[in-house]
Amino acid sequence: MLNYAATVVASRPSFHSSARIAHDMHEAGERRTLAGGDELFVEGDPVEFFYKVVSGTVRTSKLLSDARRQIDSFHFAGDFFGFEGTEEHSFTAEAVDATTVIAFKRSSFRGLVHDYPEFADQLMSAMVSSLQRARDHMLLLGRKTPQEKIAKFLLDTAARLKKGDRIELPMRRADIADYLGLTKETVSRTLTQMSRDGLIRLEAIGRTVLLNDRLTLQQLNA
């Protein structure tokens, strides 16, 4: 009689390369392509799927009672989002730029975790990271100055995009403002001042930011 460990191994898919496993996992979902500004779901929609970003950027936001928008998070390639503890979405999700996501049926969660242990590991890591970012964001909206907020935002974005000291921000300044709890004018003014102080360099074209002085930015972040 096979022991328990052998039974579990036998019940799993045969060995594949990491690339093949990732491909099979993606095949279990529905690939969706969005242009910048396209909505994936809106606040109040029933929760039928959760999502993984393949490329591009998704923002999740909530409309406040005074009609202001608060951006909860930006989701980059490799991030999972769309998990809810209720039957309706509490946020709206929109593509920031040209974006591709994989939509997984909420009802398929148990099957995916059983068939692909790697998927469970990715989900757990993603959820822990998401909780950490949510806690950091709450602190960020508290007692930090505009310059401290933007320093942390730039450092965090550079780390998540894995682009070193030169980052191409996918989001507009209005998005950054709604994420940091600032006005667009304050974001623009602060970035300009940080550029004059030599902390960063703003490219003339596009949204490229060069982190010139990481040490000072990290001190501001601390």
N, C-alpha and C. Protein backbone atom coordinates (compact mmCIF):
# COMPACT_ATOMS: atom_id res chain seq x y z
N MET A 1 0.86 -1.20 0.00
CA MET A 1 0.00 0.00 0.00
C MET A 1 0.89 1.24 0.00
N LEU A 2 0.52 2.20 -0.82
CA LEU A 2 1.30 3.43 -0.88
C LEU A 2 1.12 4.22 0.40
N ASN A 3 2.20 4.82 0.89
CA ASN A 3 2.07 5.67 2.05
C ASN A 3 1.47 7.01 1.65
N TYR A 4 1.19 7.87 2.65
CA TYR A 4 0.50 9.14 2.37
C TYR A 4 1.30 10.03 1.44
N ALA A 5 2.63 10.14 1.72
CA ALA A 5 3.47 11.01 0.90
C ALA A 5 3.46 10.58 -0.54
N ALA A 6 3.52 9.25 -0.78
CA ALA A 6 3.52 8.76 -2.15
C ALA A 6 2.19 9.04 -2.82
N THR A 7 1.10 8.93 -2.04
CA THR A 7 -0.23 9.21 -2.60
C THR A 7 -0.35 10.65 -3.04
N VAL A 8 0.18 11.59 -2.21
CA VAL A 8 0.13 13.01 -2.55
C VAL A 8 0.93 13.28 -3.82
N VAL A 9 2.14 12.67 -3.89
CA VAL A 9 2.96 12.88 -5.08
C VAL A 9 2.25 12.35 -6.30
N ALA A 10 1.62 11.19 -6.17
CA ALA A 10 0.94 10.60 -7.31
C ALA A 10 -0.22 11.43 -7.77
N SER A 11 -0.84 12.17 -6.85
CA SER A 11 -2.03 12.95 -7.21
C SER A 11 -1.68 14.26 -7.88
N ARG A 12 -0.38 14.64 -7.82
CA ARG A 12 0.03 15.91 -8.42
C ARG A 12 0.44 15.70 -9.86
N PRO A 13 0.46 16.80 -10.65
CA PRO A 13 0.88 16.69 -12.04
C PRO A 13 2.33 16.22 -12.11
N SER A 14 2.69 15.56 -13.19
CA SER A 14 4.06 15.12 -13.38
C SER A 14 4.99 16.32 -13.43
N PHE A 15 6.29 16.08 -13.25
CA PHE A 15 7.27 17.16 -13.16
C PHE A 15 7.34 17.95 -14.46
N HIS A 16 7.38 19.26 -14.35
CA HIS A 16 7.57 20.15 -15.48
C HIS A 16 8.62 21.16 -15.09
N SER A 17 9.15 21.84 -16.06
CA SER A 17 10.02 22.97 -15.78
C SER A 17 9.19 24.09 -15.17
N SER A 18 9.87 25.04 -14.53
CA SER A 18 9.17 26.17 -13.92
C SER A 18 8.36 26.93 -14.96
N ALA A 19 8.94 27.07 -16.14
CA ALA A 19 8.24 27.80 -17.21
C ALA A 19 6.96 27.06 -17.62
N ARG A 20 7.03 25.73 -17.70
CA ARG A 20 5.86 24.96 -18.10
C ARG A 20 4.78 25.02 -17.03
N ILE A 21 5.20 24.94 -15.76
CA ILE A 21 4.24 25.03 -14.67
C ILE A 21 3.53 26.38 -14.70
N ALA A 22 4.31 27.46 -14.90
CA ALA A 22 3.72 28.79 -14.97
C ALA A 22 2.74 28.87 -16.13
N HIS A 23 3.12 28.26 -17.26
CA HIS A 23 2.23 28.27 -18.44
C HIS A 23 0.94 27.54 -18.13
N ASP A 24 1.06 26.36 -17.50
CA ASP A 24 -0.14 25.58 -17.17
C ASP A 24 -1.04 26.33 -16.19
N MET A 25 -0.44 27.00 -15.22
CA MET A 25 -1.22 27.78 -14.27
C MET A 25 -1.97 28.90 -14.97
N HIS A 26 -1.30 29.57 -15.89
CA HIS A 26 -1.95 30.66 -16.62
C HIS A 26 -3.06 30.13 -17.51
N GLU A 27 -2.86 28.93 -18.05
CA GLU A 27 -3.89 28.33 -18.90
C GLU A 27 -5.15 28.03 -18.10
N ALA A 28 -5.01 27.89 -16.79
CA ALA A 28 -6.18 27.62 -15.93
C ALA A 28 -7.04 28.86 -15.75
N GLY A 29 -6.52 30.01 -16.17
CA GLY A 29 -7.27 31.26 -16.05
C GLY A 29 -7.62 31.82 -17.43
N GLU A 30 -8.19 33.00 -17.41
CA GLU A 30 -8.62 33.68 -18.65
C GLU A 30 -7.77 34.93 -18.86
N ARG A 31 -7.05 34.98 -19.97
CA ARG A 31 -6.20 36.12 -20.26
C ARG A 31 -7.04 37.29 -20.75
N ARG A 32 -6.82 38.46 -20.15
CA ARG A 32 -7.55 39.66 -20.56
C ARG A 32 -6.57 40.79 -20.84
N THR A 33 -6.80 41.50 -21.91
CA THR A 33 -5.95 42.62 -22.30
C THR A 33 -6.75 43.91 -22.18
N LEU A 34 -6.15 44.92 -21.53
CA LEU A 34 -6.83 46.18 -21.30
C LEU A 34 -5.97 47.35 -21.77
N ALA A 35 -6.63 48.40 -22.23
CA ALA A 35 -5.95 49.65 -22.55
C ALA A 35 -5.99 50.53 -21.32
N GLY A 36 -5.12 51.54 -21.29
CA GLY A 36 -5.10 52.45 -20.17
C GLY A 36 -6.47 53.07 -19.92
N GLY A 37 -6.96 53.02 -18.68
CA GLY A 37 -8.27 53.58 -18.34
C GLY A 37 -9.39 52.57 -18.34
N ASP A 38 -9.16 51.38 -18.92
CA ASP A 38 -10.21 50.35 -18.95
C ASP A 38 -10.47 49.83 -17.53
N GLU A 39 -11.73 49.60 -17.23
CA GLU A 39 -12.11 49.06 -15.93
C GLU A 39 -12.13 47.53 -15.96
N LEU A 40 -11.57 46.93 -14.93
CA LEU A 40 -11.62 45.48 -14.79
C LEU A 40 -12.83 45.08 -13.96
N PHE A 41 -13.05 45.82 -12.90
CA PHE A 41 -14.29 45.69 -12.12
C PHE A 41 -14.49 47.01 -11.37
N VAL A 42 -15.72 47.24 -10.92
CA VAL A 42 -16.02 48.47 -10.20
C VAL A 42 -16.56 48.13 -8.82
N GLU A 43 -16.46 49.09 -7.94
CA GLU A 43 -16.95 48.92 -6.58
C GLU A 43 -18.42 48.48 -6.60
N GLY A 44 -18.73 47.41 -5.89
CA GLY A 44 -20.09 46.90 -5.85
C GLY A 44 -20.34 45.72 -6.78
N ASP A 45 -19.43 45.47 -7.73
CA ASP A 45 -19.56 44.30 -8.60
C ASP A 45 -19.41 43.02 -7.78
N PRO A 46 -20.09 41.95 -8.19
CA PRO A 46 -19.91 40.68 -7.49
C PRO A 46 -18.48 40.16 -7.68
N VAL A 47 -17.94 39.54 -6.65
CA VAL A 47 -16.58 38.99 -6.72
C VAL A 47 -16.66 37.61 -7.38
N GLU A 48 -16.26 37.55 -8.65
CA GLU A 48 -16.28 36.29 -9.38
C GLU A 48 -14.88 35.79 -9.72
N PHE A 49 -13.91 36.70 -9.74
CA PHE A 49 -12.54 36.35 -10.13
C PHE A 49 -11.53 36.99 -9.18
N PHE A 50 -10.34 36.45 -9.16
CA PHE A 50 -9.18 37.17 -8.65
C PHE A 50 -8.16 37.17 -9.78
N TYR A 51 -7.15 38.02 -9.69
CA TYR A 51 -6.34 38.33 -10.87
C TYR A 51 -4.84 38.31 -10.58
N LYS A 52 -4.09 38.03 -11.64
CA LYS A 52 -2.63 38.16 -11.60
C LYS A 52 -2.21 39.06 -12.76
N VAL A 53 -1.39 40.05 -12.48
CA VAL A 53 -0.90 40.94 -13.53
C VAL A 53 0.24 40.26 -14.27
N VAL A 54 0.11 40.17 -15.58
CA VAL A 54 1.16 39.61 -16.43
C VAL A 54 2.10 40.72 -16.90
N SER A 55 1.52 41.83 -17.32
CA SER A 55 2.30 42.99 -17.75
C SER A 55 1.44 44.24 -17.55
N GLY A 56 2.13 45.38 -17.43
CA GLY A 56 1.40 46.63 -17.22
C GLY A 56 1.14 46.91 -15.74
N THR A 57 0.19 47.81 -15.50
CA THR A 57 -0.09 48.27 -14.13
C THR A 57 -1.59 48.43 -13.93
N VAL A 58 -2.07 48.00 -12.79
CA VAL A 58 -3.48 48.16 -12.40
C VAL A 58 -3.52 49.00 -11.12
N ARG A 59 -4.47 49.94 -11.07
CA ARG A 59 -4.68 50.69 -9.83
C ARG A 59 -6.02 50.28 -9.25
N THR A 60 -6.08 50.15 -7.93
CA THR A 60 -7.35 49.91 -7.25
C THR A 60 -7.66 51.14 -6.42
N SER A 61 -8.90 51.61 -6.51
CA SER A 61 -9.26 52.87 -5.88
C SER A 61 -10.68 52.83 -5.34
N LYS A 62 -10.97 53.82 -4.50
CA LYS A 62 -12.30 53.93 -3.90
C LYS A 62 -12.73 55.39 -4.00
N LEU A 63 -13.98 55.61 -4.34
CA LEU A 63 -14.53 56.96 -4.40
C LEU A 63 -15.07 57.31 -3.01
N LEU A 64 -14.53 58.38 -2.43
CA LEU A 64 -14.94 58.79 -1.10
C LEU A 64 -16.26 59.57 -1.14
N SER A 65 -16.84 59.80 0.02
CA SER A 65 -18.16 60.44 0.09
C SER A 65 -18.16 61.86 -0.47
N ASP A 66 -16.99 62.51 -0.45
CA ASP A 66 -16.91 63.88 -0.98
C ASP A 66 -16.46 63.90 -2.44
N ALA A 67 -16.56 62.74 -3.10
CA ALA A 67 -16.24 62.58 -4.53
C ALA A 67 -14.74 62.56 -4.82
N ARG A 68 -13.90 62.61 -3.80
CA ARG A 68 -12.46 62.46 -4.02
C ARG A 68 -12.14 60.98 -4.23
N ARG A 69 -11.09 60.74 -5.00
CA ARG A 69 -10.65 59.37 -5.24
C ARG A 69 -9.44 59.05 -4.36
N GLN A 70 -9.47 57.90 -3.70
CA GLN A 70 -8.32 57.43 -2.93
C GLN A 70 -7.81 56.16 -3.58
N ILE A 71 -6.59 56.20 -4.10
CA ILE A 71 -6.00 55.01 -4.68
C ILE A 71 -5.42 54.16 -3.57
N ASP A 72 -5.85 52.93 -3.53
CA ASP A 72 -5.44 51.99 -2.49
C ASP A 72 -4.09 51.37 -2.81
N SER A 73 -3.86 51.00 -4.08
CA SER A 73 -2.62 50.33 -4.42
C SER A 73 -2.41 50.35 -5.93
N PHE A 74 -1.14 50.18 -6.31
CA PHE A 74 -0.78 49.91 -7.70
C PHE A 74 -0.28 48.47 -7.77
N HIS A 75 -0.72 47.73 -8.77
CA HIS A 75 -0.36 46.33 -8.92
C HIS A 75 0.47 46.17 -10.19
N PHE A 76 1.67 45.63 -10.04
CA PHE A 76 2.60 45.48 -11.15
C PHE A 76 2.70 44.01 -11.56
N ALA A 77 3.48 43.74 -12.61
CA ALA A 77 3.63 42.37 -13.13
C ALA A 77 4.01 41.41 -12.01
N GLY A 78 3.28 40.30 -11.93
CA GLY A 78 3.52 39.29 -10.90
C GLY A 78 2.62 39.43 -9.69
N ASP A 79 1.97 40.58 -9.52
CA ASP A 79 1.11 40.80 -8.36
C ASP A 79 -0.25 40.14 -8.55
N PHE A 80 -0.81 39.63 -7.46
CA PHE A 80 -2.19 39.14 -7.42
C PHE A 80 -3.05 40.20 -6.72
N PHE A 81 -4.29 40.32 -7.14
CA PHE A 81 -5.22 41.25 -6.48
C PHE A 81 -6.65 40.79 -6.75
N GLY A 82 -7.58 41.48 -6.13
CA GLY A 82 -9.00 41.16 -6.33
C GLY A 82 -9.58 40.25 -5.28
N PHE A 83 -8.79 39.90 -4.25
CA PHE A 83 -9.31 39.08 -3.15
C PHE A 83 -10.21 39.94 -2.27
N GLU A 84 -11.35 39.41 -1.90
CA GLU A 84 -12.28 40.14 -1.05
C GLU A 84 -12.83 39.18 0.00
N GLY A 85 -13.12 39.71 1.16
CA GLY A 85 -13.74 38.90 2.21
C GLY A 85 -15.26 38.92 2.14
N THR A 86 -15.80 39.68 1.18
CA THR A 86 -17.25 39.78 0.99
C THR A 86 -17.61 39.32 -0.41
N GLU A 87 -18.87 39.37 -0.73
CA GLU A 87 -19.34 38.93 -2.04
C GLU A 87 -19.28 40.04 -3.08
N GLU A 88 -18.98 41.27 -2.66
CA GLU A 88 -18.90 42.40 -3.59
C GLU A 88 -17.55 43.09 -3.47
N HIS A 89 -17.07 43.63 -4.59
CA HIS A 89 -15.80 44.36 -4.58
C HIS A 89 -15.97 45.68 -3.83
N SER A 90 -15.01 45.98 -2.97
CA SER A 90 -15.04 47.24 -2.22
C SER A 90 -14.21 48.32 -2.89
N PHE A 91 -13.52 47.96 -3.99
CA PHE A 91 -12.71 48.91 -4.74
C PHE A 91 -12.99 48.77 -6.23
N THR A 92 -12.55 49.75 -6.99
CA THR A 92 -12.60 49.70 -8.44
C THR A 92 -11.19 49.44 -8.96
N ALA A 93 -11.07 48.58 -9.96
CA ALA A 93 -9.76 48.27 -10.54
C ALA A 93 -9.73 48.73 -11.99
N GLU A 94 -8.70 49.50 -12.34
CA GLU A 94 -8.55 50.03 -13.69
C GLU A 94 -7.11 49.85 -14.16
N ALA A 95 -6.95 49.67 -15.47
CA ALA A 95 -5.61 49.60 -16.04
C ALA A 95 -5.03 51.01 -16.10
N VAL A 96 -3.78 51.14 -15.68
CA VAL A 96 -3.09 52.43 -15.76
C VAL A 96 -2.54 52.65 -17.16
N ASP A 97 -2.04 51.58 -17.75
CA ASP A 97 -1.48 51.62 -19.10
C ASP A 97 -1.88 50.33 -19.80
N ALA A 98 -1.29 50.03 -20.95
CA ALA A 98 -1.59 48.77 -21.62
C ALA A 98 -1.24 47.62 -20.68
N THR A 99 -2.23 46.80 -20.37
CA THR A 99 -2.07 45.81 -19.31
C THR A 99 -2.67 44.47 -19.71
N THR A 100 -2.02 43.40 -19.29
CA THR A 100 -2.55 42.06 -19.46
C THR A 100 -2.64 41.39 -18.10
N VAL A 101 -3.79 40.80 -17.82
CA VAL A 101 -3.97 40.07 -16.55
C VAL A 101 -4.50 38.68 -16.85
N ILE A 102 -4.34 37.79 -15.89
CA ILE A 102 -4.98 36.49 -15.92
C ILE A 102 -6.08 36.51 -14.87
N ALA A 103 -7.30 36.20 -15.29
CA ALA A 103 -8.44 36.16 -14.36
C ALA A 103 -8.71 34.70 -13.98
N PHE A 104 -8.68 34.42 -12.69
CA PHE A 104 -8.95 33.08 -12.18
C PHE A 104 -10.31 33.10 -11.47
N LYS A 105 -11.15 32.13 -11.78
CA LYS A 105 -12.44 32.05 -11.11
C LYS A 105 -12.25 31.83 -9.61
N ARG A 106 -13.00 32.59 -8.85
CA ARG A 106 -12.92 32.44 -7.39
C ARG A 106 -13.26 31.02 -6.98
N SER A 107 -14.21 30.41 -7.69
CA SER A 107 -14.64 29.06 -7.36
C SER A 107 -13.58 28.01 -7.65
N SER A 108 -12.56 28.37 -8.43
CA SER A 108 -11.52 27.40 -8.80
C SER A 108 -10.33 27.44 -7.85
N PHE A 109 -10.41 28.29 -6.82
CA PHE A 109 -9.27 28.50 -5.93
C PHE A 109 -8.74 27.19 -5.34
N ARG A 110 -9.63 26.39 -4.76
CA ARG A 110 -9.19 25.16 -4.11
C ARG A 110 -8.52 24.21 -5.09
N GLY A 111 -9.09 24.11 -6.29
CA GLY A 111 -8.53 23.22 -7.29
C GLY A 111 -7.15 23.67 -7.75
N LEU A 112 -6.98 24.97 -7.92
CA LEU A 112 -5.69 25.51 -8.34
C LEU A 112 -4.61 25.24 -7.29
N VAL A 113 -4.97 25.47 -6.03
CA VAL A 113 -4.01 25.26 -4.95
C VAL A 113 -3.64 23.78 -4.85
N HIS A 114 -4.63 22.90 -5.08
CA HIS A 114 -4.35 21.46 -5.01
C HIS A 114 -3.48 21.00 -6.17
N ASP A 115 -3.81 21.45 -7.38
CA ASP A 115 -3.10 20.99 -8.57
C ASP A 115 -1.71 21.61 -8.72
N TYR A 116 -1.56 22.85 -8.22
CA TYR A 116 -0.29 23.57 -8.40
C TYR A 116 0.18 24.12 -7.05
N PRO A 117 0.96 23.34 -6.31
CA PRO A 117 1.48 23.83 -5.02
C PRO A 117 2.25 25.13 -5.17
N GLU A 118 2.91 25.32 -6.32
CA GLU A 118 3.64 26.56 -6.56
C GLU A 118 2.70 27.76 -6.56
N PHE A 119 1.48 27.53 -7.01
CA PHE A 119 0.47 28.58 -7.06
C PHE A 119 0.12 29.02 -5.63
N ALA A 120 -0.01 28.05 -4.74
CA ALA A 120 -0.32 28.37 -3.35
C ALA A 120 0.81 29.19 -2.73
N ASP A 121 2.06 28.83 -3.06
CA ASP A 121 3.20 29.58 -2.54
C ASP A 121 3.18 31.02 -3.06
N GLN A 122 2.88 31.19 -4.35
CA GLN A 122 2.81 32.53 -4.93
C GLN A 122 1.71 33.36 -4.28
N LEU A 123 0.56 32.73 -4.08
CA LEU A 123 -0.56 33.45 -3.47
C LEU A 123 -0.24 33.88 -2.05
N MET A 124 0.37 32.98 -1.28
CA MET A 124 0.71 33.31 0.10
C MET A 124 1.71 34.47 0.14
N SER A 125 2.73 34.40 -0.71
CA SER A 125 3.72 35.47 -0.76
C SER A 125 3.08 36.79 -1.18
N ALA A 126 2.17 36.72 -2.17
CA ALA A 126 1.50 37.92 -2.66
C ALA A 126 0.62 38.54 -1.58
N MET A 127 -0.09 37.71 -0.82
CA MET A 127 -0.98 38.23 0.21
C MET A 127 -0.20 38.86 1.36
N VAL A 128 0.94 38.25 1.73
CA VAL A 128 1.78 38.82 2.79
C VAL A 128 2.33 40.17 2.34
N SER A 129 2.80 40.24 1.08
CA SER A 129 3.33 41.49 0.55
C SER A 129 2.25 42.56 0.48
N SER A 130 1.05 42.15 0.09
CA SER A 130 -0.06 43.09 -0.01
C SER A 130 -0.44 43.66 1.36
N LEU A 131 -0.45 42.81 2.38
CA LEU A 131 -0.75 43.27 3.73
C LEU A 131 0.33 44.23 4.23
N GLN A 132 1.58 43.94 3.91
CA GLN A 132 2.67 44.81 4.31
C GLN A 132 2.54 46.17 3.66
N ARG A 133 2.23 46.17 2.34
CA ARG A 133 2.08 47.44 1.63
C ARG A 133 0.89 48.23 2.16
N ALA A 134 -0.19 47.53 2.53
CA ALA A 134 -1.37 48.22 3.07
C ALA A 134 -1.02 48.89 4.40
N ARG A 135 -0.24 48.21 5.23
CA ARG A 135 0.17 48.80 6.51
C ARG A 135 1.08 50.01 6.28
N ASP A 136 2.03 49.85 5.36
CA ASP A 136 2.93 50.96 5.04
C ASP A 136 2.17 52.15 4.46
N HIS A 137 1.17 51.85 3.65
CA HIS A 137 0.37 52.92 3.04
C HIS A 137 -0.41 53.68 4.10
N MET A 138 -0.93 52.98 5.08
CA MET A 138 -1.67 53.63 6.15
C MET A 138 -0.74 54.59 6.91
N LEU A 139 0.48 54.14 7.19
CA LEU A 139 1.44 55.00 7.87
C LEU A 139 1.85 56.17 6.98
N LEU A 140 1.95 55.89 5.68
CA LEU A 140 2.36 56.92 4.72
C LEU A 140 1.36 58.07 4.69
N LEU A 141 0.08 57.75 4.82
CA LEU A 141 -0.95 58.78 4.77
C LEU A 141 -1.03 59.57 6.07
N GLY A 142 -0.27 59.15 7.06
CA GLY A 142 -0.32 59.80 8.37
C GLY A 142 0.56 61.01 8.48
N ARG A 143 1.66 60.90 9.23
CA ARG A 143 2.41 62.07 9.64
C ARG A 143 3.63 62.39 8.80
N LYS A 144 3.70 61.93 7.59
CA LYS A 144 4.86 62.23 6.74
C LYS A 144 4.64 63.51 5.94
N THR A 145 5.74 64.22 5.65
CA THR A 145 5.67 65.41 4.81
C THR A 145 5.54 64.98 3.35
N PRO A 146 5.13 65.89 2.45
CA PRO A 146 5.06 65.53 1.04
C PRO A 146 6.37 64.97 0.50
N GLN A 147 7.51 65.56 0.89
CA GLN A 147 8.79 65.08 0.39
C GLN A 147 9.08 63.67 0.91
N GLU A 148 8.75 63.40 2.17
CA GLU A 148 8.95 62.06 2.73
C GLU A 148 8.05 61.04 2.03
N LYS A 149 6.82 61.43 1.76
CA LYS A 149 5.89 60.52 1.07
C LYS A 149 6.40 60.17 -0.32
N ILE A 150 6.86 61.17 -1.05
CA ILE A 150 7.30 60.93 -2.42
C ILE A 150 8.61 60.15 -2.44
N ALA A 151 9.49 60.40 -1.47
CA ALA A 151 10.73 59.62 -1.38
C ALA A 151 10.42 58.14 -1.19
N LYS A 152 9.50 57.85 -0.28
CA LYS A 152 9.13 56.44 -0.04
C LYS A 152 8.47 55.85 -1.28
N PHE A 153 7.59 56.61 -1.92
CA PHE A 153 6.91 56.11 -3.10
C PHE A 153 7.91 55.75 -4.21
N LEU A 154 8.87 56.62 -4.45
CA LEU A 154 9.87 56.37 -5.50
C LEU A 154 10.73 55.16 -5.17
N LEU A 155 11.18 55.06 -3.92
CA LEU A 155 12.02 53.93 -3.52
C LEU A 155 11.24 52.61 -3.61
N ASP A 156 10.01 52.61 -3.13
CA ASP A 156 9.19 51.40 -3.18
C ASP A 156 8.90 50.98 -4.62
N THR A 157 8.56 51.96 -5.47
CA THR A 157 8.25 51.66 -6.86
C THR A 157 9.47 51.11 -7.58
N ALA A 158 10.63 51.71 -7.34
CA ALA A 158 11.87 51.22 -7.96
C ALA A 158 12.15 49.78 -7.53
N ALA A 159 11.92 49.47 -6.25
CA ALA A 159 12.17 48.11 -5.75
C ALA A 159 11.19 47.12 -6.37
N ARG A 160 9.93 47.50 -6.49
CA ARG A 160 8.93 46.57 -7.03
C ARG A 160 9.08 46.36 -8.52
N LEU A 161 9.49 47.40 -9.25
CA LEU A 161 9.68 47.27 -10.70
C LEU A 161 11.04 46.67 -11.04
N LYS A 162 11.94 46.60 -10.05
CA LYS A 162 13.27 46.02 -10.23
C LYS A 162 14.02 46.68 -11.39
N LYS A 163 14.00 48.02 -11.40
CA LYS A 163 14.63 48.76 -12.49
C LYS A 163 15.85 49.56 -12.02
N GLY A 164 16.35 49.28 -10.83
CA GLY A 164 17.51 50.02 -10.35
C GLY A 164 17.17 51.46 -10.01
N ASP A 165 18.07 52.36 -10.37
CA ASP A 165 17.89 53.78 -10.04
C ASP A 165 17.16 54.56 -11.13
N ARG A 166 16.86 53.92 -12.23
CA ARG A 166 16.17 54.60 -13.33
C ARG A 166 14.81 53.94 -13.54
N ILE A 167 13.77 54.67 -13.22
CA ILE A 167 12.43 54.08 -13.30
C ILE A 167 11.53 54.90 -14.23
N GLU A 168 10.74 54.18 -14.98
CA GLU A 168 9.73 54.79 -15.83
C GLU A 168 8.40 54.63 -15.11
N LEU A 169 7.90 55.71 -14.54
CA LEU A 169 6.65 55.63 -13.79
C LEU A 169 5.48 55.41 -14.74
N PRO A 170 4.71 54.35 -14.57
CA PRO A 170 3.58 54.11 -15.46
C PRO A 170 2.38 55.01 -15.18
N MET A 171 2.33 55.55 -13.97
CA MET A 171 1.16 56.34 -13.57
C MET A 171 1.41 57.84 -13.72
N ARG A 172 0.30 58.59 -13.86
CA ARG A 172 0.38 60.05 -13.95
C ARG A 172 0.52 60.66 -12.55
N ARG A 173 0.85 61.94 -12.52
CA ARG A 173 1.02 62.60 -11.24
C ARG A 173 -0.29 62.69 -10.47
N ALA A 174 -1.40 62.76 -11.19
CA ALA A 174 -2.70 62.76 -10.51
C ALA A 174 -2.92 61.45 -9.77
N ASP A 175 -2.45 60.34 -10.35
CA ASP A 175 -2.55 59.04 -9.67
C ASP A 175 -1.67 59.01 -8.43
N ILE A 176 -0.45 59.53 -8.57
CA ILE A 176 0.46 59.56 -7.42
C ILE A 176 -0.15 60.39 -6.30
N ALA A 177 -0.76 61.52 -6.67
CA ALA A 177 -1.39 62.39 -5.67
C ALA A 177 -2.51 61.67 -4.94
N ASP A 178 -3.36 60.96 -5.68
CA ASP A 178 -4.49 60.26 -5.07
C ASP A 178 -4.03 59.06 -4.25
N TYR A 179 -2.85 58.55 -4.51
CA TYR A 179 -2.29 57.46 -3.71
C TYR A 179 -1.67 57.98 -2.42
N LEU A 180 -1.01 59.14 -2.51
CA LEU A 180 -0.29 59.68 -1.37
C LEU A 180 -1.13 60.63 -0.51
N GLY A 181 -2.36 60.91 -0.94
CA GLY A 181 -3.19 61.85 -0.17
C GLY A 181 -2.73 63.28 -0.32
N LEU A 182 -2.21 63.63 -1.50
CA LEU A 182 -1.74 64.98 -1.80
C LEU A 182 -2.51 65.54 -2.98
N THR A 183 -2.28 66.80 -3.30
CA THR A 183 -2.84 67.36 -4.53
C THR A 183 -1.83 67.15 -5.66
N LYS A 184 -2.32 67.19 -6.88
CA LYS A 184 -1.44 67.05 -8.04
C LYS A 184 -0.39 68.16 -8.04
N GLU A 185 -0.80 69.36 -7.66
CA GLU A 185 0.12 70.49 -7.64
C GLU A 185 1.24 70.28 -6.62
N THR A 186 0.90 69.71 -5.47
CA THR A 186 1.91 69.44 -4.45
C THR A 186 2.91 68.40 -4.94
N VAL A 187 2.41 67.37 -5.61
CA VAL A 187 3.30 66.34 -6.16
C VAL A 187 4.27 66.95 -7.18
N SER A 188 3.73 67.74 -8.10
CA SER A 188 4.57 68.37 -9.13
C SER A 188 5.61 69.30 -8.49
N ARG A 189 5.16 70.11 -7.55
CA ARG A 189 6.05 71.07 -6.89
C ARG A 189 7.14 70.34 -6.10
N THR A 190 6.78 69.28 -5.41
CA THR A 190 7.75 68.54 -4.60
C THR A 190 8.77 67.81 -5.48
N LEU A 191 8.31 67.21 -6.57
CA LEU A 191 9.24 66.54 -7.49
C LEU A 191 10.22 67.55 -8.08
N THR A 192 9.72 68.71 -8.44
CA THR A 192 10.60 69.75 -8.99
C THR A 192 11.65 70.18 -7.97
N GLN A 193 11.22 70.38 -6.72
CA GLN A 193 12.17 70.78 -5.68
C GLN A 193 13.20 69.68 -5.41
N MET A 194 12.76 68.43 -5.40
CA MET A 194 13.69 67.32 -5.19
C MET A 194 14.70 67.24 -6.33
N SER A 195 14.25 67.58 -7.53
CA SER A 195 15.15 67.62 -8.69
C SER A 195 16.18 68.74 -8.53
N ARG A 196 15.72 69.91 -8.10
CA ARG A 196 16.63 71.04 -7.88
C ARG A 196 17.66 70.74 -6.79
N ASP A 197 17.23 69.96 -5.78
CA ASP A 197 18.13 69.62 -4.68
C ASP A 197 19.09 68.49 -5.04
N GLY A 198 18.92 67.92 -6.23
CA GLY A 198 19.82 66.87 -6.68
C GLY A 198 19.47 65.47 -6.19
N LEU A 199 18.30 65.31 -5.55
CA LEU A 199 17.90 63.99 -5.05
C LEU A 199 17.47 63.09 -6.19
N ILE A 200 16.82 63.67 -7.19
CA ILE A 200 16.35 62.93 -8.35
C ILE A 200 16.63 63.75 -9.61
N ARG A 201 16.47 63.12 -10.75
CA ARG A 201 16.51 63.84 -12.01
C ARG A 201 15.27 63.46 -12.81
N LEU A 202 14.56 64.45 -13.32
CA LEU A 202 13.36 64.22 -14.12
C LEU A 202 13.72 64.35 -15.59
N GLU A 203 13.44 63.31 -16.35
CA GLU A 203 13.70 63.37 -17.79
C GLU A 203 12.73 64.33 -18.45
N ALA A 204 13.18 64.97 -19.53
CA ALA A 204 12.34 65.96 -20.21
C ALA A 204 11.14 65.31 -20.88
N ILE A 205 11.30 64.08 -21.33
CA ILE A 205 10.23 63.39 -22.04
C ILE A 205 9.81 62.16 -21.24
N GLY A 206 8.49 61.93 -21.18
CA GLY A 206 7.99 60.77 -20.48
C GLY A 206 7.94 60.96 -18.97
N ARG A 207 7.91 59.85 -18.24
CA ARG A 207 7.81 59.89 -16.78
C ARG A 207 9.00 59.21 -16.13
N THR A 208 10.16 59.31 -16.77
CA THR A 208 11.36 58.69 -16.25
C THR A 208 11.95 59.51 -15.11
N VAL A 209 12.26 58.83 -14.01
CA VAL A 209 12.87 59.46 -12.85
C VAL A 209 14.17 58.72 -12.54
N LEU A 210 15.26 59.46 -12.39
CA LEU A 210 16.54 58.89 -11.99
C LEU A 210 16.77 59.21 -10.52
N LEU A 211 17.00 58.18 -9.72
CA LEU A 211 17.24 58.37 -8.29
C LEU A 211 18.73 58.70 -8.11
N ASN A 212 19.04 59.99 -8.00
CA ASN A 212 20.43 60.44 -7.94
C ASN A 212 21.08 60.20 -6.57
N ASP A 213 20.30 60.41 -5.51
CA ASP A 213 20.86 60.38 -4.16
C ASP A 213 20.02 59.43 -3.29
N ARG A 214 20.30 58.15 -3.42
CA ARG A 214 19.52 57.15 -2.68
C ARG A 214 19.67 57.30 -1.17
N LEU A 215 20.85 57.65 -0.73
CA LEU A 215 21.09 57.76 0.71
C LEU A 215 20.16 58.78 1.35
N THR A 216 20.07 59.97 0.74
CA THR A 216 19.19 61.00 1.29
C THR A 216 17.73 60.59 1.16
N LEU A 217 17.37 59.95 0.05
CA LEU A 217 16.00 59.49 -0.13
C LEU A 217 15.65 58.45 0.94
N GLN A 218 16.58 57.56 1.25
CA GLN A 218 16.35 56.56 2.28
C GLN A 218 16.24 57.19 3.66
N GLN A 219 17.00 58.26 3.89
CA GLN A 219 16.90 58.97 5.17
C GLN A 219 15.55 59.64 5.30
N LEU A 220 15.04 60.18 4.20
CA LEU A 220 13.71 60.79 4.21
C LEU A 220 12.65 59.70 4.45
N ASN A 221 12.88 58.55 3.84
CA ASN A 221 11.94 57.44 3.99
C ASN A 221 11.91 56.92 5.41
N ALA A 222 13.07 56.99 6.09
CA ALA A 222 13.15 56.48 7.47
C ALA A 222 12.35 57.34 8.43
